PDB file of N, CA and C in Angstrom:
ATOM      1  N   MET A   1      11.462  -8.065  -2.235  1.00  0.00           N
ATOM      2  CA  MET A   1      11.878  -6.716  -2.505  1.00  0.00           C
ATOM      3  C   MET A   1      11.913  -6.529  -4.013  1.00  0.00           C
ATOM      4  N   ASN A   2      11.346  -5.426  -4.457  1.00  0.00           N
ATOM      5  CA  ASN A   2      11.373  -5.090  -5.874  1.00  0.00           C
ATOM      6  C   ASN A   2      12.467  -4.076  -6.129  1.00  0.00           C
ATOM      7  N   ILE A   3      13.244  -4.282  -7.163  1.00  0.00           N
ATOM      8  CA  ILE A   3      14.286  -3.347  -7.561  1.00  0.00           C
ATOM      9  C   ILE A   3      13.953  -2.862  -8.960  1.00  0.00           C
ATOM     10  N   SER A   4      13.866  -1.547  -9.108  1.00  0.00           N
ATOM     11  CA  SER A   4      13.605  -1.001 -10.432  1.00  0.00           C
ATOM     12  C   SER A   4      14.780  -0.119 -10.817  1.00  0.00           C
ATOM     13  N   ALA A   5      15.164  -0.190 -12.063  1.00  0.00           N
ATOM     14  CA  ALA A   5      16.313   0.592 -12.527  1.00  0.00           C
ATOM     15  C   ALA A   5      15.833   1.914 -13.096  1.00  0.00           C
ATOM     16  N   ASN A   6      16.532   2.978 -12.766  1.00  0.00           N
ATOM     17  CA  ASN A   6      16.299   4.265 -13.387  1.00  0.00           C
ATOM     18  C   ASN A   6      17.658   4.885 -13.677  1.00  0.00           C
ATOM     19  N   GLN A   7      17.672   6.094 -14.120  1.00  0.00           N
ATOM     20  CA  GLN A   7      18.932   6.716 -14.503  1.00  0.00           C
ATOM     21  C   GLN A   7      19.858   6.947 -13.309  1.00  0.00           C
ATOM     22  N   ASN A   8      19.311   7.034 -12.133  1.00  0.00           N
ATOM     23  CA  ASN A   8      20.110   7.331 -10.953  1.00  0.00           C
ATOM     24  C   ASN A   8      20.541   6.079 -10.203  1.00  0.00           C
ATOM     25  N   GLY A   9      20.275   4.906 -10.721  1.00  0.00           N
ATOM     26  CA  GLY A   9      20.628   3.666 -10.035  1.00  0.00           C
ATOM     27  C   GLY A   9      19.391   2.970  -9.500  1.00  0.00           C
ATOM     28  N   PRO A  10      19.579   1.897  -8.725  1.00  0.00           N
ATOM     29  CA  PRO A  10      18.431   1.148  -8.234  1.00  0.00           C
ATOM     30  C   PRO A  10      17.646   1.938  -7.197  1.00  0.00           C
ATOM     31  N   ALA A  11      16.332   1.723  -7.200  1.00  0.00           N
ATOM     32  CA  ALA A  11      15.453   2.368  -6.229  1.00  0.00           C
ATOM     33  C   ALA A  11      14.699   1.279  -5.478  1.00  0.00           C
ATOM     34  N   PHE A  12      14.630   1.407  -4.179  1.00  0.00           N
ATOM     35  CA  PHE A  12      13.933   0.442  -3.351  1.00  0.00           C
ATOM     36  C   PHE A  12      12.655   1.086  -2.836  1.00  0.00           C
ATOM     37  N   SER A  13      11.555   0.324  -2.831  1.00  0.00           N
ATOM     38  CA  SER A  13      10.287   0.894  -2.394  1.00  0.00           C
ATOM     39  C   SER A  13       9.379  -0.210  -1.874  1.00  0.00           C
ATOM     40  N   ALA A  14       8.300   0.221  -1.251  1.00  0.00           N
ATOM     41  CA  ALA A  14       7.272  -0.709  -0.787  1.00  0.00           C
ATOM     42  C   ALA A  14       6.217  -0.824  -1.883  1.00  0.00           C
ATOM     43  N   LYS A  15       5.923  -2.038  -2.263  1.00  0.00           N
ATOM     44  CA  LYS A  15       4.925  -2.282  -3.301  1.00  0.00           C
ATOM     45  C   LYS A  15       4.025  -3.431  -2.886  1.00  0.00           C
ATOM     46  N   PHE A  16       2.796  -3.425  -3.406  1.00  0.00           N
ATOM     47  CA  PHE A  16       1.848  -4.491  -3.143  1.00  0.00           C
ATOM     48  C   PHE A  16       2.051  -5.627  -4.136  1.00  0.00           C
ATOM     49  N   VAL A  17       1.887  -6.834  -3.674  1.00  0.00           N
ATOM     50  CA  VAL A  17       1.895  -8.001  -4.553  1.00  0.00           C
ATOM     51  C   VAL A  17       0.615  -7.936  -5.374  1.00  0.00           C
ATOM     52  N   ASN A  18       0.734  -8.092  -6.684  1.00  0.00           N
ATOM     53  CA  ASN A  18      -0.417  -8.001  -7.581  1.00  0.00           C
ATOM     54  C   ASN A  18      -1.166  -9.329  -7.566  1.00  0.00           C
ATOM     55  N   ASN A  19      -2.118  -9.448  -6.634  1.00  0.00           N
ATOM     56  CA  ASN A  19      -2.921 -10.666  -6.533  1.00  0.00           C
ATOM     57  C   ASN A  19      -4.398 -10.311  -6.686  1.00  0.00           C
ATOM     58  N   LYS A  20      -5.257 -11.296  -6.520  1.00  0.00           N
ATOM     59  CA  LYS A  20      -6.697 -11.093  -6.704  1.00  0.00           C
ATOM     60  C   LYS A  20      -7.243 -10.051  -5.733  1.00  0.00           C
ATOM     61  N   ALA A  21      -6.815 -10.095  -4.481  1.00  0.00           N
ATOM     62  CA  ALA A  21      -7.304  -9.139  -3.488  1.00  0.00           C
ATOM     63  C   ALA A  21      -6.938  -7.707  -3.882  1.00  0.00           C
ATOM     64  N   PHE A  22      -5.719  -7.491  -4.335  1.00  0.00           N
ATOM     65  CA  PHE A  22      -5.292  -6.153  -4.737  1.00  0.00           C
ATOM     66  C   PHE A  22      -6.101  -5.680  -5.943  1.00  0.00           C
ATOM     67  N   GLN A  23      -6.346  -6.559  -6.905  1.00  0.00           N
ATOM     68  CA  GLN A  23      -7.154  -6.202  -8.072  1.00  0.00           C
ATOM     69  C   GLN A  23      -8.585  -5.847  -7.664  1.00  0.00           C
ATOM     70  N   GLU A  24      -9.139  -6.557  -6.671  1.00  0.00           N
ATOM     71  CA  GLU A  24     -10.490  -6.265  -6.183  1.00  0.00           C
ATOM     72  C   GLU A  24     -10.544  -4.877  -5.542  1.00  0.00           C
ATOM     73  N   VAL A  25      -9.486  -4.480  -4.853  1.00  0.00           N
ATOM     74  CA  VAL A  25      -9.435  -3.146  -4.255  1.00  0.00           C
ATOM     75  C   VAL A  25      -9.412  -2.086  -5.353  1.00  0.00           C
ATOM     76  N   ILE A  26      -8.648  -2.317  -6.402  1.00  0.00           N
ATOM     77  CA  ILE A  26      -8.609  -1.365  -7.518  1.00  0.00           C
ATOM     78  C   ILE A  26      -9.981  -1.255  -8.169  1.00  0.00           C
ATOM     79  N   ASN A  27     -10.657  -2.376  -8.380  1.00  0.00           N
ATOM     80  CA  ASN A  27     -12.008  -2.348  -8.950  1.00  0.00           C
ATOM     81  C   ASN A  27     -12.980  -1.619  -8.035  1.00  0.00           C
ATOM     82  N   TYR A  28     -12.858  -1.842  -6.715  1.00  0.00           N
ATOM     83  CA  TYR A  28     -13.714  -1.133  -5.760  1.00  0.00           C
ATOM     84  C   TYR A  28     -13.495   0.374  -5.870  1.00  0.00           C
ATOM     85  N   ALA A  29     -12.239   0.799  -5.938  1.00  0.00           N
ATOM     86  CA  ALA A  29     -11.927   2.227  -6.042  1.00  0.00           C
ATOM     87  C   ALA A  29     -12.485   2.807  -7.347  1.00  0.00           C
ATOM     88  N   LYS A  30     -12.410   2.040  -8.417  1.00  0.00           N
ATOM     89  CA  LYS A  30     -12.943   2.499  -9.702  1.00  0.00           C
ATOM     90  C   LYS A  30     -14.458   2.661  -9.623  1.00  0.00           C
ATOM     91  N   GLU A  31     -15.136   1.651  -9.098  1.00  0.00           N
ATOM     92  CA  GLU A  31     -16.597   1.689  -9.010  1.00  0.00           C
ATOM     93  C   GLU A  31     -17.089   2.778  -8.068  1.00  0.00           C
ATOM     94  N   SER A  32     -16.341   3.043  -7.004  1.00  0.00           N
ATOM     95  CA  SER A  32     -16.756   4.063  -6.037  1.00  0.00           C
ATOM     96  C   SER A  32     -16.154   5.438  -6.361  1.00  0.00           C
ATOM     97  N   LYS A  33     -15.505   5.549  -7.524  1.00  0.00           N
ATOM     98  CA  LYS A  33     -14.912   6.803  -7.994  1.00  0.00           C
ATOM     99  C   LYS A  33     -13.918   7.377  -6.976  1.00  0.00           C
ATOM    100  N   GLN A  34     -13.033   6.499  -6.475  1.00  0.00           N
ATOM    101  CA  GLN A  34     -12.023   6.904  -5.511  1.00  0.00           C
ATOM    102  C   GLN A  34     -10.613   6.496  -5.946  1.00  0.00           C
ATOM    103  N   LEU A  35     -10.411   6.424  -7.261  1.00  0.00           N
ATOM    104  CA  LEU A  35      -9.092   6.042  -7.769  1.00  0.00           C
ATOM    105  C   LEU A  35      -8.009   7.042  -7.375  1.00  0.00           C
ATOM    106  N   LEU A  36      -8.341   8.330  -7.336  1.00  0.00           N
ATOM    107  CA  LEU A  36      -7.348   9.335  -6.958  1.00  0.00           C
ATOM    108  C   LEU A  36      -6.895   9.136  -5.511  1.00  0.00           C
ATOM    109  N   GLU A  37      -7.833   8.856  -4.609  1.00  0.00           N
ATOM    110  CA  GLU A  37      -7.481   8.618  -3.207  1.00  0.00           C
ATOM    111  C   GLU A  37      -6.593   7.391  -3.078  1.00  0.00           C
ATOM    112  N   LEU A  38      -6.931   6.331  -3.824  1.00  0.00           N
ATOM    113  CA  LEU A  38      -6.128   5.110  -3.789  1.00  0.00           C
ATOM    114  C   LEU A  38      -4.734   5.373  -4.357  1.00  0.00           C
ATOM    115  N   ASP A  39      -4.663   6.090  -5.466  1.00  0.00           N
ATOM    116  CA  ASP A  39      -3.378   6.397  -6.078  1.00  0.00           C
ATOM    117  C   ASP A  39      -2.502   7.217  -5.133  1.00  0.00           C
ATOM    118  N   THR A  40      -3.083   8.178  -4.449  1.00  0.00           N
ATOM    119  CA  THR A  40      -2.332   9.006  -3.505  1.00  0.00           C
ATOM    120  C   THR A  40      -1.749   8.158  -2.377  1.00  0.00           C
ATOM    121  N   ALA A  41      -2.574   7.274  -1.812  1.00  0.00           N
ATOM    122  CA  ALA A  41      -2.098   6.412  -0.725  1.00  0.00           C
ATOM    123  C   ALA A  41      -1.014   5.463  -1.220  1.00  0.00           C
ATOM    124  N   LEU A  42      -1.209   4.853  -2.382  1.00  0.00           N
ATOM    125  CA  LEU A  42      -0.215   3.927  -2.923  1.00  0.00           C
ATOM    126  C   LEU A  42       1.095   4.644  -3.244  1.00  0.00           C
ATOM    127  N   ASN A  43       1.015   5.884  -3.712  1.00  0.00           N
ATOM    128  CA  ASN A  43       2.219   6.656  -3.999  1.00  0.00           C
ATOM    129  C   ASN A  43       3.002   6.931  -2.721  1.00  0.00           C
ATOM    130  N   ARG A  44       2.319   7.271  -1.648  1.00  0.00           N
ATOM    131  CA  ARG A  44       3.009   7.525  -0.375  1.00  0.00           C
ATOM    132  C   ARG A  44       3.645   6.248   0.158  1.00  0.00           C
ATOM    133  N   ILE A  45       2.919   5.132   0.034  1.00  0.00           N
ATOM    134  CA  ILE A  45       3.462   3.849   0.488  1.00  0.00           C
ATOM    135  C   ILE A  45       4.678   3.476  -0.360  1.00  0.00           C
ATOM    136  N   ASN A  46       4.584   3.705  -1.657  1.00  0.00           N
ATOM    137  CA  ASN A  46       5.664   3.378  -2.579  1.00  0.00           C
ATOM    138  C   ASN A  46       6.942   4.154  -2.264  1.00  0.00           C
ATOM    139  N   ASN A  47       6.806   5.354  -1.739  1.00  0.00           N
ATOM    140  CA  ASN A  47       7.966   6.192  -1.433  1.00  0.00           C
ATOM    141  C   ASN A  47       8.492   5.985  -0.017  1.00  0.00           C
ATOM    142  N   ALA A  48       7.979   4.993   0.682  1.00  0.00           N
ATOM    143  CA  ALA A  48       8.409   4.766   2.063  1.00  0.00           C
ATOM    144  C   ALA A  48       8.936   3.349   2.227  1.00  0.00           C
ATOM    145  N   ASN A  49      10.031   3.230   2.965  1.00  0.00           N
ATOM    146  CA  ASN A  49      10.642   1.953   3.306  1.00  0.00           C
ATOM    147  C   ASN A  49      10.821   1.068   2.086  1.00  0.00           C
ATOM    148  N   GLN A  50      10.975  -0.212   2.291  1.00  0.00           N
ATOM    149  CA  GLN A  50      11.145  -1.127   1.169  1.00  0.00           C
ATOM    150  C   GLN A  50      10.571  -2.487   1.532  1.00  0.00           C
ATOM    151  N   GLY A  51      10.115  -3.195   0.543  1.00  0.00           N
ATOM    152  CA  GLY A  51       9.585  -4.531   0.743  1.00  0.00           C
ATOM    153  C   GLY A  51       8.286  -4.739  -0.008  1.00  0.00           C
ATOM    154  N   ASP A  52       7.842  -5.972  -0.005  1.00  0.00           N
ATOM    155  CA  ASP A  52       6.604  -6.349  -0.668  1.00  0.00           C
ATOM    156  C   ASP A  52       5.500  -6.495   0.375  1.00  0.00           C
ATOM    157  N   ILE A  53       4.332  -5.927   0.072  1.00  0.00           N
ATOM    158  CA  ILE A  53       3.174  -6.021   0.955  1.00  0.00           C
ATOM    159  C   ILE A  53       2.190  -6.984   0.320  1.00  0.00           C
ATOM    160  N   LEU A  54       1.829  -8.018   1.053  1.00  0.00           N
ATOM    161  CA  LEU A  54       0.854  -9.001   0.590  1.00  0.00           C
ATOM    162  C   LEU A  54      -0.480  -8.686   1.246  1.00  0.00           C
ATOM    163  N   LEU A  55      -1.512  -8.533   0.434  1.00  0.00           N
ATOM    164  CA  LEU A  55      -2.859  -8.253   0.906  1.00  0.00           C
ATOM    165  C   LEU A  55      -3.696  -9.514   0.753  1.00  0.00           C
ATOM    166  N   ILE A  56      -4.340  -9.905   1.836  1.00  0.00           N
ATOM    167  CA  ILE A  56      -5.271 -11.041   1.811  1.00  0.00           C
ATOM    168  C   ILE A  56      -6.545 -10.589   2.508  1.00  0.00           C
ATOM    169  N   HIS A  57      -7.691 -10.776   1.848  1.00  0.00           N
ATOM    170  CA  HIS A  57      -8.951 -10.416   2.483  1.00  0.00           C
ATOM    171  C   HIS A  57     -10.035 -11.416   2.115  1.00  0.00           C
ATOM    172  N   GLY A  58     -11.128 -11.354   2.859  1.00  0.00           N
ATOM    173  CA  GLY A  58     -12.236 -12.256   2.596  1.00  0.00           C
ATOM    174  C   GLY A  58     -13.312 -12.151   3.659  1.00  0.00           C
ATOM    175  N   LYS A  59     -14.228 -13.112   3.622  1.00  0.00           N
ATOM    176  CA  LYS A  59     -15.332 -13.161   4.585  1.00  0.00           C
ATOM    177  C   LYS A  59     -15.309 -14.509   5.293  1.00  0.00           C
ATOM    178  N   THR A  60     -15.623 -14.484   6.574  1.00  0.00           N
ATOM    179  CA  THR A  60     -15.804 -15.697   7.356  1.00  0.00           C
ATOM    180  C   THR A  60     -17.128 -15.574   8.093  1.00  0.00           C
ATOM    181  N   GLU A  61     -17.459 -16.591   8.852  1.00  0.00           N
ATOM    182  CA  GLU A  61     -18.681 -16.512   9.644  1.00  0.00           C
ATOM    183  C   GLU A  61     -18.605 -15.382  10.661  1.00  0.00           C
ATOM    184  N   GLY A  62     -17.395 -15.061  11.095  1.00  0.00           N
ATOM    185  CA  GLY A  62     -17.198 -13.987  12.060  1.00  0.00           C
ATOM    186  C   GLY A  62     -17.249 -12.594  11.455  1.00  0.00           C
ATOM    187  N   GLY A  63     -17.202 -12.492  10.146  1.00  0.00           N
ATOM    188  CA  GLY A  63     -17.263 -11.197   9.486  1.00  0.00           C
ATOM    189  C   GLY A  63     -16.195 -11.036   8.423  1.00  0.00           C
ATOM    190  N   VAL A  64     -15.925  -9.800   8.081  1.00  0.00           N
ATOM    191  CA  VAL A  64     -14.980  -9.442   7.030  1.00  0.00           C
ATOM    192  C   VAL A  64     -13.595  -9.280   7.636  1.00  0.00           C
ATOM    193  N   TYR A  65     -12.576  -9.729   6.908  1.00  0.00           N
ATOM    194  CA  TYR A  65     -11.202  -9.523   7.356  1.00  0.00           C
ATOM    195  C   TYR A  65     -10.348  -8.995   6.212  1.00  0.00           C
ATOM    196  N   SER A  66      -9.327  -8.258   6.575  1.00  0.00           N
ATOM    197  CA  SER A  66      -8.376  -7.712   5.626  1.00  0.00           C
ATOM    198  C   SER A  66      -7.028  -7.670   6.323  1.00  0.00           C
ATOM    199  N   ASN A  67      -6.064  -8.433   5.808  1.00  0.00           N
ATOM    200  CA  ASN A  67      -4.747  -8.542   6.434  1.00  0.00           C
ATOM    201  C   ASN A  67      -3.665  -8.090   5.466  1.00  0.00           C
ATOM    202  N   PHE A  68      -2.695  -7.345   6.007  1.00  0.00           N
ATOM    203  CA  PHE A  68      -1.541  -6.877   5.259  1.00  0.00           C
ATOM    204  C   PHE A  68      -0.304  -7.519   5.870  1.00  0.00           C
ATOM    205  N   TYR A  69       0.523  -8.144   5.036  1.00  0.00           N
ATOM    206  CA  TYR A  69       1.738  -8.828   5.497  1.00  0.00           C
ATOM    207  C   TYR A  69       2.954  -8.215   4.813  1.00  0.00           C
ATOM    208  N   MET A  70       4.009  -8.008   5.611  1.00  0.00           N
ATOM    209  CA  MET A  70       5.277  -7.534   5.073  1.00  0.00           C
ATOM    210  C   MET A  70       6.374  -8.180   5.901  1.00  0.00           C
ATOM    211  N   ASN A  71       7.268  -8.886   5.228  1.00  0.00           N
ATOM    212  CA  ASN A  71       8.299  -9.664   5.905  1.00  0.00           C
ATOM    213  C   ASN A  71       7.611 -10.608   6.895  1.00  0.00           C
ATOM    214  N   LYS A  72       7.881 -10.529   8.162  1.00  0.00           N
ATOM    215  CA  LYS A  72       7.231 -11.424   9.130  1.00  0.00           C
ATOM    216  C   LYS A  72       6.246 -10.680  10.011  1.00  0.00           C
ATOM    217  N   ARG A  73       5.758  -9.535   9.540  1.00  0.00           N
ATOM    218  CA  ARG A  73       4.824  -8.724  10.311  1.00  0.00           C
ATOM    219  C   ARG A  73       3.479  -8.662   9.605  1.00  0.00           C
ATOM    220  N   ALA A  74       2.438  -8.407  10.394  1.00  0.00           N
ATOM    221  CA  ALA A  74       1.096  -8.311   9.841  1.00  0.00           C
ATOM    222  C   ALA A  74       0.289  -7.268  10.598  1.00  0.00           C
ATOM    223  N   VAL A  75      -0.626  -6.620   9.874  1.00  0.00           N
ATOM    224  CA  VAL A  75      -1.620  -5.741  10.482  1.00  0.00           C
ATOM    225  C   VAL A  75      -2.968  -6.085   9.878  1.00  0.00           C
ATOM    226  N   GLN A  76      -4.026  -5.823  10.651  1.00  0.00           N
ATOM    227  CA  GLN A  76      -5.383  -6.125  10.208  1.00  0.00           C
ATOM    228  C   GLN A  76      -6.175  -4.852  10.045  1.00  0.00           C
ATOM    229  N   ASN A  77      -7.191  -4.935   9.206  1.00  0.00           N
ATOM    230  CA  ASN A  77      -8.160  -3.862   9.077  1.00  0.00           C
ATOM    231  C   ASN A  77      -9.534  -4.508   9.061  1.00  0.00           C
ATOM    232  N   LEU A  78     -10.356  -4.162  10.028  1.00  0.00           N
ATOM    233  CA  LEU A  78     -11.676  -4.761  10.181  1.00  0.00           C
ATOM    234  C   LEU A  78     -12.749  -3.681  10.114  1.00  0.00           C
ATOM    235  N   GLY A  79     -13.991  -4.122  10.120  1.00  0.00           N
ATOM    236  CA  GLY A  79     -15.093  -3.185  10.266  1.00  0.00           C
ATOM    237  C   GLY A  79     -15.623  -2.572   8.992  1.00  0.00           C
ATOM    238  N   ALA A  80     -15.802  -3.339   7.963  1.00  0.00           N
ATOM    239  CA  ALA A  80     -16.419  -2.847   6.730  1.00  0.00           C
ATOM    240  C   ALA A  80     -17.405  -3.898   6.241  1.00  0.00           C
ATOM    241  N   GLU A  81     -18.286  -3.478   5.345  1.00  0.00           N
ATOM    242  CA  GLU A  81     -19.305  -4.410   4.855  1.00  0.00           C
ATOM    243  C   GLU A  81     -18.790  -5.358   3.780  1.00  0.00           C
ATOM    244  N   SER A  82     -17.639  -5.063   3.194  1.00  0.00           N
ATOM    245  CA  SER A  82     -17.062  -5.963   2.188  1.00  0.00           C
ATOM    246  C   SER A  82     -15.552  -6.027   2.379  1.00  0.00           C
ATOM    247  N   PRO A  83     -14.934  -7.130   1.953  1.00  0.00           N
ATOM    248  CA  PRO A  83     -13.477  -7.239   2.043  1.00  0.00           C
ATOM    249  C   PRO A  83     -12.757  -6.158   1.243  1.00  0.00           C
ATOM    250  N   GLU A  84     -13.306  -5.819   0.077  1.00  0.00           N
ATOM    251  CA  GLU A  84     -12.677  -4.806  -0.766  1.00  0.00           C
ATOM    252  C   GLU A  84     -12.657  -3.446  -0.072  1.00  0.00           C
ATOM    253  N   LYS A  85     -13.770  -3.098   0.567  1.00  0.00           N
ATOM    254  CA  LYS A  85     -13.833  -1.811   1.253  1.00  0.00           C
ATOM    255  C   LYS A  85     -12.915  -1.807   2.469  1.00  0.00           C
ATOM    256  N   ALA A  86     -12.853  -2.908   3.201  1.00  0.00           N
ATOM    257  CA  ALA A  86     -11.957  -2.997   4.353  1.00  0.00           C
ATOM    258  C   ALA A  86     -10.506  -2.828   3.909  1.00  0.00           C
ATOM    259  N   SER A  87     -10.131  -3.481   2.814  1.00  0.00           N
ATOM    260  CA  SER A  87      -8.764  -3.365   2.311  1.00  0.00           C
ATOM    261  C   SER A  87      -8.484  -1.977   1.769  1.00  0.00           C
ATOM    262  N   PHE A  88      -9.454  -1.393   1.071  1.00  0.00           N
ATOM    263  CA  PHE A  88      -9.311  -0.028   0.567  1.00  0.00           C
ATOM    264  C   PHE A  88      -9.056   0.932   1.732  1.00  0.00           C
ATOM    265  N   ASN A  89      -9.883   0.830   2.768  1.00  0.00           N
ATOM    266  CA  ASN A  89      -9.703   1.681   3.943  1.00  0.00           C
ATOM    267  C   ASN A  89      -8.357   1.424   4.611  1.00  0.00           C
ATOM    268  N   GLY A  90      -7.917   0.171   4.626  1.00  0.00           N
ATOM    269  CA  GLY A  90      -6.620  -0.163   5.199  1.00  0.00           C
ATOM    270  C   GLY A  90      -5.472   0.450   4.419  1.00  0.00           C
ATOM    271  N   ILE A  91      -5.569   0.444   3.098  1.00  0.00           N
ATOM    272  CA  ILE A  91      -4.524   1.046   2.267  1.00  0.00           C
ATOM    273  C   ILE A  91      -4.487   2.556   2.500  1.00  0.00           C
ATOM    274  N   LEU A  92      -5.651   3.184   2.610  1.00  0.00           N
ATOM    275  CA  LEU A  92      -5.674   4.615   2.895  1.00  0.00           C
ATOM    276  C   LEU A  92      -5.007   4.912   4.237  1.00  0.00           C
ATOM    277  N   GLU A  93      -5.264   4.067   5.235  1.00  0.00           N
ATOM    278  CA  GLU A  93      -4.644   4.258   6.544  1.00  0.00           C
ATOM    279  C   GLU A  93      -3.138   4.007   6.487  1.00  0.00           C
ATOM    280  N   LEU A  94      -2.717   2.975   5.773  1.00  0.00           N
ATOM    281  CA  LEU A  94      -1.277   2.745   5.600  1.00  0.00           C
ATOM    282  C   LEU A  94      -0.625   3.925   4.889  1.00  0.00           C
ATOM    283  N   GLY A  95      -1.343   4.537   3.952  1.00  0.00           N
ATOM    284  CA  GLY A  95      -0.822   5.669   3.203  1.00  0.00           C
ATOM    285  C   GLY A  95      -0.574   6.903   4.049  1.00  0.00           C
ATOM    286  N   GLU A  96      -1.143   6.937   5.238  1.00  0.00           N
ATOM    287  CA  GLU A  96      -0.872   8.051   6.156  1.00  0.00           C
ATOM    288  C   GLU A  96       0.504   7.911   6.800  1.00  0.00           C
ATOM    289  N   LEU A  97       1.125   6.751   6.641  1.00  0.00           N
ATOM    290  CA  LEU A  97       2.456   6.448   7.172  1.00  0.00           C
ATOM    291  C   LEU A  97       2.508   6.644   8.694  1.00  0.00           C
ATOM    292  N   GLY A  98       1.420   6.323   9.329  1.00  0.00           N
ATOM    293  CA  GLY A  98       1.318   6.474  10.774  1.00  0.00           C
ATOM    294  C   GLY A  98       1.628   5.185  11.521  1.00  0.00           C
ATOM    295  N   ARG A  99       0.949   5.011  12.633  1.00  0.00           N
ATOM    296  CA  ARG A  99       1.206   3.886  13.539  1.00  0.00           C
ATOM    297  C   ARG A  99       1.057   2.527  12.846  1.00  0.00           C
ATOM    298  N   LYS A 100      -0.008   2.379  12.060  1.00  0.00           N
ATOM    299  CA  LYS A 100      -0.234   1.088  11.402  1.00  0.00           C
ATOM    300  C   LYS A 100       0.892   0.763  10.422  1.00  0.00           C
ATOM    301  N   PHE A 101       1.339   1.740   9.669  1.00  0.00           N
ATOM    302  CA  PHE A 101       2.436   1.512   8.721  1.00  0.00           C
ATOM    303  C   PHE A 101       3.728   1.182   9.457  1.00  0.00           C
ATOM    304  N   ARG A 102       4.019   1.918  10.524  1.00  0.00           N
ATOM    305  CA  ARG A 102       5.236   1.653  11.302  1.00  0.00           C
ATOM    306  C   ARG A 102       5.201   0.256  11.909  1.00  0.00           C
ATOM    307  N   ARG A 103       4.033  -0.188  12.335  1.00  0.00           N
ATOM    308  CA  ARG A 103       3.908  -1.544  12.869  1.00  0.00           C
ATOM    309  C   ARG A 103       4.157  -2.575  11.770  1.00  0.00           C
ATOM    310  N   LEU A 104       3.689  -2.302  10.563  1.00  0.00           N
ATOM    311  CA  LEU A 104       3.875  -3.230   9.445  1.00  0.00           C
ATOM    312  C   LEU A 104       5.341  -3.332   9.028  1.00  0.00           C
ATOM    313  N   VAL A 105       6.042  -2.202   9.008  1.00  0.00           N
ATOM    314  CA  VAL A 105       7.447  -2.223   8.572  1.00  0.00           C
ATOM    315  C   VAL A 105       8.398  -2.496   9.732  1.00  0.00           C
ATOM    316  N   GLY A 106       7.896  -2.467  10.945  1.00  0.00           N
ATOM    317  CA  GLY A 106       8.727  -2.793  12.093  1.00  0.00           C
ATOM    318  C   GLY A 106       9.651  -1.682  12.540  1.00  0.00           C
ATOM    319  N   GLY A 107       9.211  -0.458  12.436  1.00  0.00           N
ATOM    320  CA  GLY A 107      10.054   0.643  12.886  1.00  0.00           C
ATOM    321  C   GLY A 107       9.651   1.956  12.274  1.00  0.00           C
ATOM    322  N   ASP A 108      10.593   2.840  12.203  1.00  0.00           N
ATOM    323  CA  ASP A 108      10.340   4.178  11.683  1.00  0.00           C
ATOM    324  C   ASP A 108      10.170   4.163  10.171  1.00  0.00           C
ATOM    325  N   VAL A 109       9.468   5.159   9.690  1.00  0.00           N
ATOM    326  CA  VAL A 109       9.282   5.344   8.257  1.00  0.00           C
ATOM    327  C   VAL A 109      10.555   5.927   7.671  1.00  0.00           C
ATOM    328  N   LYS A 110      11.018   5.304   6.602  1.00  0.00           N
ATOM    329  CA  LYS A 110      12.208   5.789   5.893  1.00  0.00           C
ATOM    330  C   LYS A 110      11.771   6.184   4.489  1.00  0.00           C
ATOM    331  N   LEU A 111      11.719   7.471   4.239  1.00  0.00           N
ATOM    332  CA  LEU A 111      11.276   7.950   2.935  1.00  0.00           C
ATOM    333  C   LEU A 111      12.380   7.810   1.904  1.00  0.00           C
ATOM    334  N   ASN A 112      12.005   7.367   0.724  1.00  0.00           N
ATOM    335  CA  ASN A 112      12.948   7.159  -0.378  1.00  0.00           C
ATOM    336  C   ASN A 112      12.726   8.197  -1.468  1.00  0.00           C
ATOM    337  N   ILE A 113      12.644   9.448  -1.095  1.00  0.00           N
ATOM    338  CA  ILE A 113      12.403  10.522  -2.056  1.00  0.00           C
ATOM    339  C   ILE A 113      13.669  11.354  -2.190  1.00  0.00           C
ATOM    340  N   ARG A 114      14.039  11.598  -3.443  1.00  0.00           N
ATOM    341  CA  ARG A 114      15.203  12.429  -3.710  1.00  0.00           C
ATOM    342  C   ARG A 114      14.773  13.613  -4.557  1.00  0.00           C
ATOM    343  N   GLU A 115      15.526  14.690  -4.463  1.00  0.00           N
ATOM    344  CA  GLU A 115      15.207  15.894  -5.226  1.00  0.00           C
ATOM    345  C   GLU A 115      15.135  15.601  -6.720  1.00  0.00           C
ATOM    346  N   GLN A 116      16.084  14.805  -7.215  1.00  0.00           N
ATOM    347  CA  GLN A 116      16.115  14.510  -8.646  1.00  0.00           C
ATOM    348  C   GLN A 116      14.847  13.782  -9.094  1.00  0.00           C
ATOM    349  N   ASP A 117      14.329  12.911  -8.222  1.00  0.00           N
ATOM    350  CA  ASP A 117      13.115  12.168  -8.561  1.00  0.00           C
ATOM    351  C   ASP A 117      11.931  13.116  -8.700  1.00  0.00           C
ATOM    352  N   LEU A 118      11.834  14.114  -7.819  1.00  0.00           N
ATOM    353  CA  LEU A 118      10.737  15.070  -7.898  1.00  0.00           C
ATOM    354  C   LEU A 118      10.813  15.907  -9.167  1.00  0.00           C
ATOM    355  N   VAL A 119      12.010  16.335  -9.512  1.00  0.00           N
ATOM    356  CA  VAL A 119      12.177  17.120 -10.742  1.00  0.00           C
ATOM    357  C   VAL A 119      11.780  16.269 -11.947  1.00  0.00           C
ATOM    358  N   LYS A 120      12.242  15.060 -11.984  1.00  0.00           N
ATOM    359  CA  LYS A 120      11.965  14.172 -13.108  1.00  0.00           C
ATOM    360  C   LYS A 120      10.469  13.850 -13.229  1.00  0.00           C
ATOM    361  N   LYS A 121       9.831  13.635 -12.094  1.00  0.00           N
ATOM    362  CA  LYS A 121       8.428  13.204 -12.085  1.00  0.00           C
ATOM    363  C   LYS A 121       7.454  14.361 -12.342  1.00  0.00           C
ATOM    364  N   TYR A 122       7.751  15.545 -11.841  1.00  0.00           N
ATOM    365  CA  TYR A 122       6.761  16.616 -11.864  1.00  0.00           C
ATOM    366  C   TYR A 122       7.108  17.801 -12.767  1.00  0.00           C
ATOM    367  N   SER A 123       8.148  17.703 -13.568  1.00  0.00           N
ATOM    368  CA  SER A 123       8.459  18.811 -14.459  1.00  0.00           C
ATOM    369  C   SER A 123       8.695  18.305 -15.878  1.00  0.00           C
ATOM    370  N   VAL A 124       8.653  19.242 -16.803  1.00  0.00           N
ATOM    371  CA  VAL A 124       8.866  18.893 -18.217  1.00  0.00           C
ATOM    372  C   VAL A 124      10.178  19.439 -18.700  1.00  0.00           C
TER     373      VAL A 124
END
């Protein structure tokens, strides 16, 4: 769990572990000119529930795999020509905060958004 301090006290959020797989997804988004889509999905994930998400992806003889782990739960994303694209697509799907995200967090989505945070983030 990551804890970040702000003026209103500690904030809890879901964040990805910064590993090689996550960096490869960012590079894929940059090369495919989809950084905005990735940022939007990561922002939604960041504002929901709490915990660290570990991304592991790669290739085997059976094909491409992309796995997301949080606490003792895991979800997979398959069906892409590269591990980076499979993980990118998986992050976009997690960003919808739908069934796959609920399965990863083990329950309902709990949004961590407060009015003060919106004012601080989006106004001058």
